[in-house]
Amino acid sequence: MGKQSTRENKTIYQLCREAQGLTREKASELMPGLSASRIEKFEYELQEPTPYDIIQMADCYKRPDLCNYYCSHKCTIGERYVPEVEVSELSNIILETIASLNEINPLTGRLIQIARDGKITDDEIKDFAFISQKLDEVSLAVDSLNLWVDKTAGEKGINIELLNEEKSRLRSQSSKPAGSASSVK
């Protein structure tokens, strides 16, 4: 292995590469179209990687969270619409999801009242903002769970193909008209 960098304030790209024990040269061999010098430019913030570069690094470094980082920090659209997702332990993600759902449950009646007329009036804004924030927390928890699955599938032996097949089956089931859905296994 090559010499470990002692540089302070390393970028996420350099940290992820080094965490895999890869030199720039070895990483470039594993990623078609990315030279060691180009990787160095990303790491020293002399050049911005493209989305394709990010996907290659995410796959090579086994860090799907690089995609979320790029979208939430480097992409103009993503900066506006994609929140940064933090990957934590599965138990923490599940507890956060359940806590968020429990906070939403008693608010569904109020959300129905607000949405009933198809508009949000000034006197409904405060309640709607609160409910919207809680829904954002649920969404973030779901994103965190999906990122955890992507990141740990190989490490924890999750059969990702089977998981994706099952999710696809459930999606197609839920898109059928009412009354035509088959029973759950």
C-alpha atoms as a PDB file:
ATOM      1  CA  MET A   1       0.000   0.000   0.000  1.00  0.00           C
ATOM      2  CA  GLY A   2       1.169   3.547  -0.698  1.00  0.00           C
ATOM      3  CA  LYS A   3       2.114   6.167   1.834  1.00  0.00           C
ATOM      4  CA  GLN A   4      -0.808   7.441   3.938  1.00  0.00           C
ATOM      5  CA  SER A   5      -1.499  11.161   3.568  1.00  0.00           C
ATOM      6  CA  THR A   6      -0.934  13.333   6.629  1.00  0.00           C
ATOM      7  CA  ARG A   7      -2.866  16.247   5.111  1.00  0.00           C
ATOM      8  CA  GLU A   8      -5.374  17.923   7.430  1.00  0.00           C
ATOM      9  CA  ASN A   9      -8.936  18.749   6.305  1.00  0.00           C
ATOM     10  CA  LYS A  10      -9.216  15.827   3.932  1.00  0.00           C
ATOM     11  CA  THR A  11     -12.228  15.777   1.654  1.00  0.00           C
ATOM     12  CA  ILE A  12     -14.852  13.076   1.920  1.00  0.00           C
ATOM     13  CA  TYR A  13     -13.498  11.577  -1.311  1.00  0.00           C
ATOM     14  CA  GLN A  14     -10.027  11.127   0.138  1.00  0.00           C
ATOM     15  CA  LEU A  15     -11.354   9.820   3.461  1.00  0.00           C
ATOM     16  CA  CYS A  16     -13.517   7.219   1.705  1.00  0.00           C
ATOM     17  CA  ARG A  17     -10.674   6.073  -0.555  1.00  0.00           C
ATOM     18  CA  GLU A  18      -8.240   5.779   2.334  1.00  0.00           C
ATOM     19  CA  ALA A  19     -10.823   3.926   4.455  1.00  0.00           C
ATOM     20  CA  GLN A  20     -10.796   1.229   1.755  1.00  0.00           C
ATOM     21  CA  GLY A  21      -6.996   1.118   1.924  1.00  0.00           C
ATOM     22  CA  LEU A  22      -6.650   2.251  -1.679  1.00  0.00           C
ATOM     23  CA  THR A  23      -3.984   4.425  -3.214  1.00  0.00           C
ATOM     24  CA  ARG A  24      -5.100   6.789  -5.959  1.00  0.00           C
ATOM     25  CA  GLU A  25      -3.353   4.526  -8.454  1.00  0.00           C
ATOM     26  CA  LYS A  26      -5.150   1.393  -7.274  1.00  0.00           C
ATOM     27  CA  ALA A  27      -8.487   3.228  -7.123  1.00  0.00           C
ATOM     28  CA  SER A  28      -8.008   4.471 -10.696  1.00  0.00           C
ATOM     29  CA  GLU A  29      -7.413   0.869 -11.839  1.00  0.00           C
ATOM     30  CA  LEU A  30     -10.777  -0.094 -10.329  1.00  0.00           C
ATOM     31  CA  MET A  31     -12.679   2.821 -11.883  1.00  0.00           C
ATOM     32  CA  PRO A  32     -12.706   3.021 -15.690  1.00  0.00           C
ATOM     33  CA  GLY A  33     -12.103   6.535 -16.951  1.00  0.00           C
ATOM     34  CA  LEU A  34     -10.758   7.929 -13.684  1.00  0.00           C
ATOM     35  CA  SER A  35      -7.037   8.540 -13.616  1.00  0.00           C
ATOM     36  CA  ALA A  36      -5.071   8.887 -10.410  1.00  0.00           C
ATOM     37  CA  SER A  37      -4.428  12.549 -11.232  1.00  0.00           C
ATOM     38  CA  ARG A  38      -8.142  13.195 -11.698  1.00  0.00           C
ATOM     39  CA  ILE A  39      -8.921  11.528  -8.348  1.00  0.00           C
ATOM     40  CA  GLU A  40      -6.282  13.782  -6.796  1.00  0.00           C
ATOM     41  CA  LYS A  41      -7.986  16.846  -8.309  1.00  0.00           C
ATOM     42  CA  PHE A  42     -11.281  15.793  -6.687  1.00  0.00           C
ATOM     43  CA  GLU A  43      -9.577  15.215  -3.358  1.00  0.00           C
ATOM     44  CA  TYR A  44      -7.837  18.598  -3.426  1.00  0.00           C
ATOM     45  CA  GLU A  45     -10.996  20.332  -4.691  1.00  0.00           C
ATOM     46  CA  LEU A  46      -9.278  21.478  -7.876  1.00  0.00           C
ATOM     47  CA  GLN A  47     -11.979  19.866 -10.003  1.00  0.00           C
ATOM     48  CA  GLU A  48     -15.568  18.871  -9.272  1.00  0.00           C
ATOM     49  CA  PRO A  49     -16.466  15.255 -10.007  1.00  0.00           C
ATOM     50  CA  THR A  50     -19.373  14.509 -12.321  1.00  0.00           C
ATOM     51  CA  PRO A  51     -22.341  12.431 -11.160  1.00  0.00           C
ATOM     52  CA  TYR A  52     -20.848   9.488 -13.087  1.00  0.00           C
ATOM     53  CA  ASP A  53     -17.544   9.937 -11.205  1.00  0.00           C
ATOM     54  CA  ILE A  54     -19.439   9.945  -7.908  1.00  0.00           C
ATOM     55  CA  ILE A  55     -21.245   6.713  -8.734  1.00  0.00           C
ATOM     56  CA  GLN A  56     -17.944   5.066  -9.620  1.00  0.00           C
ATOM     57  CA  MET A  57     -16.335   6.237  -6.375  1.00  0.00           C
ATOM     58  CA  ALA A  58     -19.389   5.227  -4.319  1.00  0.00           C
ATOM     59  CA  ASP A  59     -19.251   1.720  -5.777  1.00  0.00           C
ATOM     60  CA  CYS A  60     -15.458   1.380  -5.599  1.00  0.00           C
ATOM     61  CA  TYR A  61     -15.191   2.720  -2.041  1.00  0.00           C
ATOM     62  CA  LYS A  62     -18.362   0.881  -0.923  1.00  0.00           C
ATOM     63  CA  ARG A  63     -19.833   4.192   0.202  1.00  0.00           C
ATOM     64  CA  PRO A  64     -23.297   4.803  -1.316  1.00  0.00           C
ATOM     65  CA  ASP A  65     -23.579   7.788   1.003  1.00  0.00           C
ATOM     66  CA  LEU A  66     -21.165   9.613  -1.361  1.00  0.00           C
ATOM     67  CA  CYS A  67     -24.106   9.926  -3.759  1.00  0.00           C
ATOM     68  CA  ASN A  68     -26.221  11.588  -1.075  1.00  0.00           C
ATOM     69  CA  TYR A  69     -23.311  13.837  -0.087  1.00  0.00           C
ATOM     70  CA  TYR A  70     -22.818  14.954  -3.677  1.00  0.00           C
ATOM     71  CA  CYS A  71     -26.513  15.573  -4.261  1.00  0.00           C
ATOM     72  CA  SER A  72     -27.041  17.469  -1.001  1.00  0.00           C
ATOM     73  CA  HIS A  73     -23.828  19.544  -1.174  1.00  0.00           C
ATOM     74  CA  LYS A  74     -22.607  19.861  -4.758  1.00  0.00           C
ATOM     75  CA  CYS A  75     -25.664  19.682  -7.005  1.00  0.00           C
ATOM     76  CA  THR A  76     -27.658  22.896  -7.394  1.00  0.00           C
ATOM     77  CA  ILE A  77     -30.977  21.060  -7.523  1.00  0.00           C
ATOM     78  CA  GLY A  78     -29.986  18.667  -4.755  1.00  0.00           C
ATOM     79  CA  GLU A  79     -28.914  21.494  -2.454  1.00  0.00           C
ATOM     80  CA  ARG A  80     -32.517  22.666  -2.573  1.00  0.00           C
ATOM     81  CA  TYR A  81     -34.372  19.351  -2.508  1.00  0.00           C
ATOM     82  CA  VAL A  82     -32.108  16.603  -1.165  1.00  0.00           C
ATOM     83  CA  PRO A  83     -31.425  16.568   2.574  1.00  0.00           C
ATOM     84  CA  GLU A  84     -28.169  15.141   3.840  1.00  0.00           C
ATOM     85  CA  VAL A  85     -28.812  11.650   5.139  1.00  0.00           C
ATOM     86  CA  GLU A  86     -26.750  10.352   8.013  1.00  0.00           C
ATOM     87  CA  VAL A  87     -26.097   6.626   8.111  1.00  0.00           C
ATOM     88  CA  SER A  88     -26.320   5.244  11.626  1.00  0.00           C
ATOM     89  CA  GLU A  89     -26.977   1.866  13.218  1.00  0.00           C
ATOM     90  CA  LEU A  90     -30.094  -0.014  12.151  1.00  0.00           C
ATOM     91  CA  SER A  91     -31.590   0.070  15.650  1.00  0.00           C
ATOM     92  CA  ASN A  92     -31.244   3.864  15.784  1.00  0.00           C
ATOM     93  CA  ILE A  93     -32.821   4.253  12.348  1.00  0.00           C
ATOM     94  CA  ILE A  94     -35.775   2.038  13.280  1.00  0.00           C
ATOM     95  CA  LEU A  95     -36.318   3.826  16.602  1.00  0.00           C
ATOM     96  CA  GLU A  96     -36.184   7.220  14.862  1.00  0.00           C
ATOM     97  CA  THR A  97     -38.657   6.027  12.229  1.00  0.00           C
ATOM     98  CA  ILE A  98     -41.097   4.716  14.841  1.00  0.00           C
ATOM     99  CA  ALA A  99     -40.789   7.880  16.928  1.00  0.00           C
ATOM    100  CA  SER A 100     -41.487  10.039  13.860  1.00  0.00           C
ATOM    101  CA  LEU A 101     -44.472   7.910  12.852  1.00  0.00           C
ATOM    102  CA  ASN A 102     -45.863   8.043  16.394  1.00  0.00           C
ATOM    103  CA  GLU A 103     -45.666  11.842  16.310  1.00  0.00           C
ATOM    104  CA  ILE A 104     -47.480  11.955  12.954  1.00  0.00           C
ATOM    105  CA  ASN A 105     -50.317   9.582  13.854  1.00  0.00           C
ATOM    106  CA  PRO A 106     -52.304  11.971  16.081  1.00  0.00           C
ATOM    107  CA  LEU A 107     -51.863  14.762  13.508  1.00  0.00           C
ATOM    108  CA  THR A 108     -53.566  12.966  10.609  1.00  0.00           C
ATOM    109  CA  GLY A 109     -57.007  14.294  11.549  1.00  0.00           C
ATOM    110  CA  ARG A 110     -55.723  17.870  11.464  1.00  0.00           C
ATOM    111  CA  LEU A 111     -53.995  17.248   8.133  1.00  0.00           C
ATOM    112  CA  ILE A 112     -57.270  16.006   6.674  1.00  0.00           C
ATOM    113  CA  GLN A 113     -59.040  19.154   7.949  1.00  0.00           C
ATOM    114  CA  ILE A 114     -56.374  21.357   6.340  1.00  0.00           C
ATOM    115  CA  ALA A 115     -56.448  19.497   3.008  1.00  0.00           C
ATOM    116  CA  ARG A 116     -60.226  19.129   2.794  1.00  0.00           C
ATOM    117  CA  ASP A 117     -60.787  22.361   0.840  1.00  0.00           C
ATOM    118  CA  GLY A 118     -57.653  22.010  -1.306  1.00  0.00           C
ATOM    119  CA  LYS A 119     -55.872  25.085   0.048  1.00  0.00           C
ATOM    120  CA  ILE A 120     -53.886  26.130   3.074  1.00  0.00           C
ATOM    121  CA  THR A 121     -55.218  29.281   4.706  1.00  0.00           C
ATOM    122  CA  ASP A 122     -53.215  31.630   6.920  1.00  0.00           C
ATOM    123  CA  ASP A 123     -54.802  30.219  10.084  1.00  0.00           C
ATOM    124  CA  GLU A 124     -53.714  26.689   9.020  1.00  0.00           C
ATOM    125  CA  ILE A 125     -50.093  27.559   8.180  1.00  0.00           C
ATOM    126  CA  LYS A 126     -48.679  26.951  11.668  1.00  0.00           C
ATOM    127  CA  ASP A 127     -50.230  23.475  11.960  1.00  0.00           C
ATOM    128  CA  PHE A 128     -49.360  22.589   8.369  1.00  0.00           C
ATOM    129  CA  ALA A 129     -45.716  23.666   8.828  1.00  0.00           C
ATOM    130  CA  PHE A 130     -45.428  21.507  11.947  1.00  0.00           C
ATOM    131  CA  ILE A 131     -46.976  18.479  10.215  1.00  0.00           C
ATOM    132  CA  SER A 132     -44.804  19.048   7.147  1.00  0.00           C
ATOM    133  CA  GLN A 133     -41.696  19.112   9.323  1.00  0.00           C
ATOM    134  CA  LYS A 134     -42.723  15.838  10.961  1.00  0.00           C
ATOM    135  CA  LEU A 135     -43.306  14.265   7.540  1.00  0.00           C
ATOM    136  CA  ASP A 136     -39.822  15.427   6.510  1.00  0.00           C
ATOM    137  CA  GLU A 137     -38.444  13.574   9.555  1.00  0.00           C
ATOM    138  CA  VAL A 138     -40.231  10.387   8.473  1.00  0.00           C
ATOM    139  CA  SER A 139     -38.879  10.801   4.947  1.00  0.00           C
ATOM    140  CA  LEU A 140     -35.348  11.318   6.263  1.00  0.00           C
ATOM    141  CA  ALA A 141     -35.636   8.197   8.415  1.00  0.00           C
ATOM    142  CA  VAL A 142     -36.757   6.167   5.388  1.00  0.00           C
ATOM    143  CA  ASP A 143     -33.880   7.569   3.297  1.00  0.00           C
ATOM    144  CA  SER A 144     -31.482   6.674   6.100  1.00  0.00           C
ATOM    145  CA  LEU A 145     -32.836   3.117   6.208  1.00  0.00           C
ATOM    146  CA  ASN A 146     -32.460   2.721   2.431  1.00  0.00           C
ATOM    147  CA  LEU A 147     -28.913   4.083   2.550  1.00  0.00           C
ATOM    148  CA  TRP A 148     -28.092   1.730   5.435  1.00  0.00           C
ATOM    149  CA  VAL A 149     -29.330  -1.207   3.355  1.00  0.00           C
ATOM    150  CA  ASP A 150     -27.225  -0.117   0.357  1.00  0.00           C
ATOM    151  CA  LYS A 151     -24.147   0.411   2.497  1.00  0.00           C
ATOM    152  CA  THR A 152     -24.336  -2.743   4.577  1.00  0.00           C
ATOM    153  CA  ALA A 153     -25.824  -5.233   2.081  1.00  0.00           C
ATOM    154  CA  GLY A 154     -22.445  -6.813   1.395  1.00  0.00           C
ATOM    155  CA  GLU A 155     -21.152  -6.602   4.945  1.00  0.00           C
ATOM    156  CA  LYS A 156     -24.254  -8.026   6.627  1.00  0.00           C
ATOM    157  CA  GLY A 157     -25.132 -10.574   3.952  1.00  0.00           C
ATOM    158  CA  ILE A 158     -28.409  -8.948   2.909  1.00  0.00           C
ATOM    159  CA  ASN A 159     -29.707 -10.538  -0.289  1.00  0.00           C
ATOM    160  CA  ILE A 160     -30.236  -7.224  -2.090  1.00  0.00           C
ATOM    161  CA  GLU A 161     -31.582  -8.872  -5.265  1.00  0.00           C
ATOM    162  CA  LEU A 162     -34.269 -10.695  -3.281  1.00  0.00           C
ATOM    163  CA  LEU A 163     -35.105  -7.512  -1.371  1.00  0.00           C
ATOM    164  CA  ASN A 164     -35.473  -5.533  -4.621  1.00  0.00           C
ATOM    165  CA  GLU A 165     -37.613  -8.282  -6.187  1.00  0.00           C
ATOM    166  CA  GLU A 166     -39.914  -8.288  -3.163  1.00  0.00           C
ATOM    167  CA  LYS A 167     -40.205  -4.485  -3.151  1.00  0.00           C
ATOM    168  CA  SER A 168     -40.982  -4.553  -6.878  1.00  0.00           C
ATOM    169  CA  ARG A 169     -43.640  -7.210  -6.337  1.00  0.00           C
ATOM    170  CA  LEU A 170     -45.222  -5.147  -3.562  1.00  0.00           C
ATOM    171  CA  ARG A 171     -45.145  -1.992  -5.730  1.00  0.00           C
ATOM    172  CA  SER A 172     -46.913  -3.760  -8.579  1.00  0.00           C
ATOM    173  CA  GLN A 173     -49.459  -5.172  -6.119  1.00  0.00           C
ATOM    174  CA  SER A 174     -50.210  -1.764  -4.647  1.00  0.00           C
ATOM    175  CA  SER A 175     -50.640  -0.204  -8.094  1.00  0.00           C
ATOM    176  CA  LYS A 176     -53.464  -2.612  -8.995  1.00  0.00           C
ATOM    177  CA  PRO A 177     -57.026  -1.248  -8.777  1.00  0.00           C
ATOM    178  CA  ALA A 178     -58.839  -1.780  -5.463  1.00  0.00           C
ATOM    179  CA  GLY A 179     -60.252  -5.250  -5.064  1.00  0.00           C
ATOM    180  CA  SER A 180     -57.814  -6.893  -7.497  1.00  0.00           C
ATOM    181  CA  ALA A 181     -54.795  -7.141  -5.196  1.00  0.00           C
ATOM    182  CA  SER A 182     -53.796 -10.672  -4.299  1.00  0.00           C
ATOM    183  CA  SER A 183     -53.338 -11.684  -0.706  1.00  0.00           C
ATOM    184  CA  VAL A 184     -50.006 -11.150   1.007  1.00  0.00           C
ATOM    185  CA  LYS A 185     -47.836 -14.265   1.448  1.00  0.00           C
END
